[in-house]
N, C-alpha and C. Protein backbone atom coordinates (compact mmCIF):
# COMPACT_ATOMS: atom_id res chain seq x y z
N MET A 1 -7.51 17.38 -12.02
CA MET A 1 -6.45 16.56 -11.49
C MET A 1 -6.84 15.97 -10.14
N LEU A 2 -7.49 16.78 -9.28
CA LEU A 2 -7.92 16.30 -7.98
C LEU A 2 -8.94 15.17 -8.13
N GLU A 3 -9.79 15.27 -9.16
CA GLU A 3 -10.80 14.23 -9.40
C GLU A 3 -10.12 12.89 -9.69
N GLN A 4 -9.07 12.90 -10.53
CA GLN A 4 -8.34 11.66 -10.85
C GLN A 4 -7.62 11.14 -9.61
N PHE A 5 -7.05 12.04 -8.82
CA PHE A 5 -6.37 11.65 -7.59
C PHE A 5 -7.34 10.92 -6.67
N ASN A 6 -8.54 11.44 -6.52
CA ASN A 6 -9.54 10.80 -5.66
C ASN A 6 -9.98 9.44 -6.20
N LYS A 7 -10.06 9.31 -7.52
CA LYS A 7 -10.37 8.01 -8.13
C LYS A 7 -9.26 7.01 -7.84
N ASP A 8 -8.01 7.45 -7.99
CA ASP A 8 -6.86 6.59 -7.70
C ASP A 8 -6.82 6.17 -6.23
N LEU A 9 -7.17 7.11 -5.35
CA LEU A 9 -7.23 6.79 -3.92
C LEU A 9 -8.26 5.70 -3.64
N ALA A 10 -9.41 5.78 -4.28
CA ALA A 10 -10.47 4.78 -4.09
C ALA A 10 -10.01 3.41 -4.59
N ILE A 11 -9.31 3.38 -5.70
CA ILE A 11 -8.78 2.12 -6.23
C ILE A 11 -7.75 1.53 -5.27
N GLY A 12 -6.89 2.39 -4.75
CA GLY A 12 -5.89 1.96 -3.77
C GLY A 12 -6.54 1.44 -2.50
N LYS A 13 -7.62 2.08 -2.08
CA LYS A 13 -8.33 1.67 -0.87
C LYS A 13 -8.91 0.27 -1.02
N ARG A 14 -9.38 -0.06 -2.22
CA ARG A 14 -9.89 -1.42 -2.47
C ARG A 14 -8.79 -2.44 -2.20
N ALA A 15 -7.58 -2.16 -2.68
CA ALA A 15 -6.46 -3.08 -2.48
C ALA A 15 -6.11 -3.22 -1.00
N GLU A 16 -6.12 -2.10 -0.28
CA GLU A 16 -5.84 -2.14 1.16
C GLU A 16 -6.85 -3.02 1.88
N ASP A 17 -8.13 -2.88 1.52
CA ASP A 17 -9.17 -3.70 2.14
C ASP A 17 -8.98 -5.17 1.82
N ILE A 18 -8.60 -5.47 0.58
CA ILE A 18 -8.36 -6.86 0.18
C ILE A 18 -7.25 -7.47 1.02
N VAL A 19 -6.13 -6.75 1.14
CA VAL A 19 -4.99 -7.27 1.91
C VAL A 19 -5.36 -7.42 3.38
N LEU A 20 -5.96 -6.40 3.96
CA LEU A 20 -6.32 -6.45 5.37
C LEU A 20 -7.22 -7.64 5.67
N HIS A 21 -8.29 -7.80 4.90
CA HIS A 21 -9.23 -8.89 5.16
C HIS A 21 -8.64 -10.27 4.85
N THR A 22 -7.81 -10.36 3.82
CA THR A 22 -7.18 -11.64 3.48
C THR A 22 -6.21 -12.06 4.56
N PHE A 23 -5.34 -11.15 4.98
CA PHE A 23 -4.36 -11.48 6.01
C PHE A 23 -5.05 -11.80 7.34
N ALA A 24 -6.07 -11.05 7.68
CA ALA A 24 -6.80 -11.30 8.93
C ALA A 24 -7.45 -12.68 8.91
N ALA A 25 -7.92 -13.11 7.74
CA ALA A 25 -8.54 -14.44 7.62
C ALA A 25 -7.50 -15.56 7.69
N LEU A 26 -6.26 -15.24 7.35
CA LEU A 26 -5.20 -16.27 7.32
C LEU A 26 -4.48 -16.45 8.65
N SER A 27 -4.60 -15.50 9.56
CA SER A 27 -3.83 -15.58 10.79
C SER A 27 -4.58 -14.98 11.97
N ASP A 28 -4.53 -15.69 13.08
CA ASP A 28 -5.06 -15.17 14.34
C ASP A 28 -3.93 -14.62 15.21
N ASP A 29 -2.69 -14.68 14.71
CA ASP A 29 -1.53 -14.26 15.48
C ASP A 29 -1.33 -12.75 15.49
N TYR A 30 -2.04 -12.04 14.63
CA TYR A 30 -1.90 -10.59 14.51
C TYR A 30 -3.27 -9.93 14.47
N ALA A 31 -3.31 -8.72 14.99
CA ALA A 31 -4.47 -7.86 14.81
C ALA A 31 -4.09 -6.89 13.69
N PHE A 32 -4.93 -6.78 12.68
CA PHE A 32 -4.64 -5.93 11.53
C PHE A 32 -5.50 -4.67 11.60
N GLU A 33 -4.85 -3.53 11.38
CA GLU A 33 -5.52 -2.25 11.52
C GLU A 33 -5.21 -1.37 10.31
N ASP A 34 -6.24 -0.76 9.75
CA ASP A 34 -6.06 0.18 8.64
C ASP A 34 -5.58 1.51 9.21
N VAL A 35 -4.36 1.91 8.83
CA VAL A 35 -3.81 3.19 9.29
C VAL A 35 -3.52 4.12 8.11
N SER A 36 -4.07 3.81 6.96
CA SER A 36 -3.76 4.55 5.73
C SER A 36 -4.19 6.01 5.79
N GLY A 37 -5.16 6.33 6.59
CA GLY A 37 -5.63 7.70 6.68
C GLY A 37 -4.97 8.52 7.78
N GLU A 38 -4.04 7.91 8.51
CA GLU A 38 -3.40 8.58 9.64
C GLU A 38 -2.05 9.13 9.20
N LYS A 39 -1.90 10.43 9.26
CA LYS A 39 -0.72 11.12 8.74
C LYS A 39 0.60 10.58 9.31
N GLU A 40 0.60 10.21 10.58
CA GLU A 40 1.83 9.72 11.20
C GLU A 40 2.36 8.42 10.56
N PHE A 41 1.50 7.73 9.81
CA PHE A 41 1.89 6.47 9.18
C PHE A 41 2.06 6.58 7.66
N TYR A 42 1.99 7.78 7.10
CA TYR A 42 2.08 7.95 5.65
C TYR A 42 3.30 7.28 5.04
N TYR A 43 4.42 7.31 5.73
CA TYR A 43 5.63 6.69 5.18
C TYR A 43 6.01 5.41 5.94
N ARG A 44 5.06 4.83 6.64
CA ARG A 44 5.26 3.56 7.33
C ARG A 44 4.49 2.42 6.66
N GLY A 45 3.28 2.70 6.21
CA GLY A 45 2.47 1.67 5.58
C GLY A 45 1.00 1.97 5.73
N ASP A 46 0.20 1.18 5.03
CA ASP A 46 -1.25 1.35 5.03
C ASP A 46 -1.93 0.50 6.09
N ILE A 47 -1.27 -0.59 6.47
CA ILE A 47 -1.84 -1.52 7.44
C ILE A 47 -0.80 -1.76 8.53
N ARG A 48 -1.27 -1.73 9.78
CA ARG A 48 -0.40 -2.07 10.90
C ARG A 48 -0.85 -3.41 11.44
N ALA A 49 0.09 -4.35 11.54
CA ALA A 49 -0.18 -5.66 12.13
C ALA A 49 0.51 -5.69 13.49
N ILE A 50 -0.24 -6.06 14.52
CA ILE A 50 0.31 -6.09 15.87
C ILE A 50 0.18 -7.51 16.42
N ASP A 51 1.32 -8.07 16.87
CA ASP A 51 1.25 -9.42 17.43
C ASP A 51 0.88 -9.36 18.91
N LYS A 52 0.78 -10.53 19.55
CA LYS A 52 0.30 -10.58 20.94
C LYS A 52 1.28 -9.97 21.94
N PHE A 53 2.53 -9.73 21.50
CA PHE A 53 3.52 -9.09 22.36
C PHE A 53 3.60 -7.58 22.12
N GLY A 54 2.77 -7.07 21.21
CA GLY A 54 2.76 -5.65 20.91
C GLY A 54 3.72 -5.22 19.82
N ARG A 55 4.42 -6.17 19.22
CA ARG A 55 5.32 -5.82 18.11
C ARG A 55 4.51 -5.46 16.89
N GLU A 56 4.99 -4.43 16.18
CA GLU A 56 4.27 -3.92 15.01
C GLU A 56 5.01 -4.27 13.72
N ILE A 57 4.23 -4.57 12.71
CA ILE A 57 4.74 -4.75 11.35
C ILE A 57 3.87 -3.86 10.46
N PHE A 58 4.53 -3.08 9.60
CA PHE A 58 3.79 -2.19 8.73
C PHE A 58 3.79 -2.71 7.30
N ILE A 59 2.63 -2.67 6.68
CA ILE A 59 2.43 -3.23 5.35
C ILE A 59 1.99 -2.11 4.41
N GLU A 60 2.77 -1.89 3.37
CA GLU A 60 2.43 -0.93 2.32
C GLU A 60 1.67 -1.68 1.23
N VAL A 61 0.60 -1.11 0.71
CA VAL A 61 -0.24 -1.79 -0.28
C VAL A 61 -0.41 -0.91 -1.51
N LYS A 62 -0.23 -1.52 -2.68
CA LYS A 62 -0.46 -0.84 -3.95
C LYS A 62 -1.40 -1.70 -4.79
N ASN A 63 -2.26 -1.04 -5.54
CA ASN A 63 -3.15 -1.72 -6.47
C ASN A 63 -2.58 -1.51 -7.87
N ASP A 64 -2.29 -2.57 -8.58
CA ASP A 64 -1.64 -2.46 -9.88
C ASP A 64 -2.51 -3.14 -10.94
N SER A 65 -2.96 -2.34 -11.90
CA SER A 65 -3.85 -2.87 -12.95
C SER A 65 -3.09 -3.49 -14.11
N ARG A 66 -1.76 -3.43 -14.10
CA ARG A 66 -0.97 -3.93 -15.24
C ARG A 66 -0.10 -5.14 -14.90
N ILE A 67 0.11 -5.44 -13.64
CA ILE A 67 1.04 -6.51 -13.27
C ILE A 67 0.62 -7.86 -13.83
N HIS A 68 -0.67 -8.06 -14.04
CA HIS A 68 -1.14 -9.35 -14.56
C HIS A 68 -0.68 -9.58 -16.00
N THR A 69 -0.37 -8.52 -16.73
CA THR A 69 0.12 -8.69 -18.11
C THR A 69 1.61 -8.44 -18.23
N THR A 70 2.17 -7.54 -17.42
CA THR A 70 3.59 -7.20 -17.55
C THR A 70 4.50 -8.04 -16.67
N GLY A 71 3.99 -8.46 -15.51
CA GLY A 71 4.84 -9.15 -14.55
C GLY A 71 5.79 -8.20 -13.83
N ASN A 72 5.64 -6.90 -14.05
CA ASN A 72 6.53 -5.90 -13.46
C ASN A 72 5.82 -5.13 -12.36
N ILE A 73 6.62 -4.66 -11.40
CA ILE A 73 6.12 -3.83 -10.31
C ILE A 73 6.69 -2.43 -10.47
N LEU A 74 5.83 -1.43 -10.37
CA LEU A 74 6.26 -0.04 -10.45
C LEU A 74 6.96 0.35 -9.15
N CYS A 75 8.21 0.76 -9.26
CA CYS A 75 8.99 1.19 -8.10
C CYS A 75 9.39 2.64 -8.31
N GLU A 76 8.90 3.51 -7.45
CA GLU A 76 9.15 4.94 -7.58
C GLU A 76 10.13 5.41 -6.52
N GLU A 77 11.29 5.87 -6.95
CA GLU A 77 12.24 6.48 -6.02
C GLU A 77 11.83 7.91 -5.70
N GLU A 78 11.37 8.62 -6.73
CA GLU A 78 10.89 9.99 -6.59
C GLU A 78 9.63 10.17 -7.42
N VAL A 79 8.81 11.13 -6.99
CA VAL A 79 7.61 11.47 -7.72
C VAL A 79 7.62 12.97 -7.96
N TYR A 80 7.33 13.37 -9.19
CA TYR A 80 7.28 14.80 -9.51
C TYR A 80 5.85 15.28 -9.39
N TYR A 81 5.64 16.29 -8.57
CA TYR A 81 4.33 16.88 -8.37
C TYR A 81 4.28 18.22 -9.11
N LYS A 82 3.37 18.35 -10.06
CA LYS A 82 3.25 19.58 -10.84
C LYS A 82 2.64 20.72 -10.03
N SER A 83 1.82 20.38 -9.07
CA SER A 83 1.15 21.41 -8.28
C SER A 83 2.15 22.24 -7.49
N HIS A 84 1.76 23.42 -7.15
CA HIS A 84 2.59 24.33 -6.33
C HIS A 84 3.95 24.61 -6.96
N GLY A 85 3.99 24.78 -8.28
CA GLY A 85 5.24 25.14 -8.95
C GLY A 85 6.14 23.97 -9.29
N GLY A 86 5.74 22.80 -8.95
CA GLY A 86 6.52 21.60 -9.27
C GLY A 86 7.60 21.32 -8.24
N TYR A 87 7.61 20.10 -7.75
CA TYR A 87 8.66 19.69 -6.82
C TYR A 87 8.73 18.16 -6.82
N TYR A 88 9.85 17.64 -6.33
CA TYR A 88 10.04 16.19 -6.23
C TYR A 88 9.77 15.76 -4.79
N GLY A 89 9.06 14.65 -4.66
CA GLY A 89 8.78 14.09 -3.35
C GLY A 89 9.21 12.64 -3.31
N LYS A 90 9.12 12.07 -2.14
CA LYS A 90 9.49 10.67 -1.96
C LYS A 90 8.56 9.77 -2.77
N GLY A 91 9.15 8.76 -3.39
CA GLY A 91 8.37 7.75 -4.07
C GLY A 91 8.04 6.60 -3.13
N ASN A 92 7.31 5.62 -3.60
CA ASN A 92 6.88 4.52 -2.72
C ASN A 92 8.03 3.64 -2.24
N MET A 93 9.20 3.72 -2.86
CA MET A 93 10.34 2.93 -2.41
C MET A 93 11.08 3.62 -1.26
N SER A 94 10.70 4.83 -0.94
CA SER A 94 11.35 5.59 0.14
C SER A 94 10.67 5.41 1.49
N ALA A 95 9.56 4.72 1.52
CA ALA A 95 8.83 4.54 2.77
C ALA A 95 9.53 3.52 3.66
N ASN A 96 9.17 3.54 4.93
CA ASN A 96 9.81 2.68 5.92
C ASN A 96 8.87 1.54 6.34
N TYR A 97 8.34 0.81 5.37
CA TYR A 97 7.44 -0.31 5.65
C TYR A 97 8.26 -1.58 5.85
N ASP A 98 7.62 -2.62 6.39
CA ASP A 98 8.27 -3.91 6.58
C ASP A 98 7.95 -4.86 5.44
N ILE A 99 6.74 -4.77 4.94
CA ILE A 99 6.27 -5.65 3.86
C ILE A 99 5.60 -4.79 2.80
N TYR A 100 5.84 -5.13 1.55
CA TYR A 100 5.26 -4.40 0.42
C TYR A 100 4.35 -5.36 -0.33
N CYS A 101 3.09 -5.01 -0.48
CA CYS A 101 2.12 -5.86 -1.18
C CYS A 101 1.61 -5.15 -2.43
N VAL A 102 1.55 -5.91 -3.51
CA VAL A 102 0.97 -5.42 -4.74
C VAL A 102 -0.23 -6.31 -5.06
N VAL A 103 -1.38 -5.67 -5.22
CA VAL A 103 -2.61 -6.40 -5.50
C VAL A 103 -2.94 -6.31 -6.98
N SER A 104 -3.22 -7.47 -7.57
CA SER A 104 -3.74 -7.53 -8.93
C SER A 104 -5.18 -8.03 -8.82
N GLU A 105 -6.11 -7.10 -8.92
CA GLU A 105 -7.52 -7.50 -8.84
C GLU A 105 -7.89 -8.39 -10.03
N LYS A 106 -7.32 -8.07 -11.18
CA LYS A 106 -7.65 -8.80 -12.41
C LYS A 106 -7.28 -10.29 -12.28
N SER A 107 -6.09 -10.58 -11.74
CA SER A 107 -5.68 -11.99 -11.60
C SER A 107 -5.97 -12.56 -10.22
N ARG A 108 -6.57 -11.73 -9.35
CA ARG A 108 -6.93 -12.15 -7.99
C ARG A 108 -5.71 -12.66 -7.22
N LYS A 109 -4.63 -11.87 -7.27
CA LYS A 109 -3.40 -12.24 -6.58
C LYS A 109 -2.90 -11.08 -5.73
N ILE A 110 -2.22 -11.45 -4.65
CA ILE A 110 -1.49 -10.50 -3.82
C ILE A 110 -0.03 -10.91 -3.87
N TYR A 111 0.81 -10.01 -4.36
CA TYR A 111 2.25 -10.24 -4.39
C TYR A 111 2.82 -9.65 -3.11
N VAL A 112 3.51 -10.48 -2.33
CA VAL A 112 4.03 -10.04 -1.03
C VAL A 112 5.56 -10.03 -1.11
N ILE A 113 6.13 -8.85 -0.85
CA ILE A 113 7.58 -8.69 -0.91
C ILE A 113 8.04 -8.31 0.50
N ASP A 114 8.92 -9.13 1.03
CA ASP A 114 9.44 -8.91 2.38
C ASP A 114 10.79 -8.22 2.27
């Protein structure tokens, strides 16, 4: 199970890199920083954008391999974790991000939801 989790993390990381580099190329008004590995930002977003006045915008990024065929976005209110006897945790819709991005590598699109 941990092996699959690490594979999924790597796939997600590709999407984060795509969004970070794409947004950075589109705007000089913000500095974009990868904060996905910092625990304090786990429920804020994967990317922090900071404008010239120091205001922060947090961007959550998901990589979706099916959106190009379904047109649907997976929205998780809760996630069930089997490990440690099973428990429910926050889903991706419970985070406190400002912008939600879904990357479709297959169709080369970034869906941006404000």
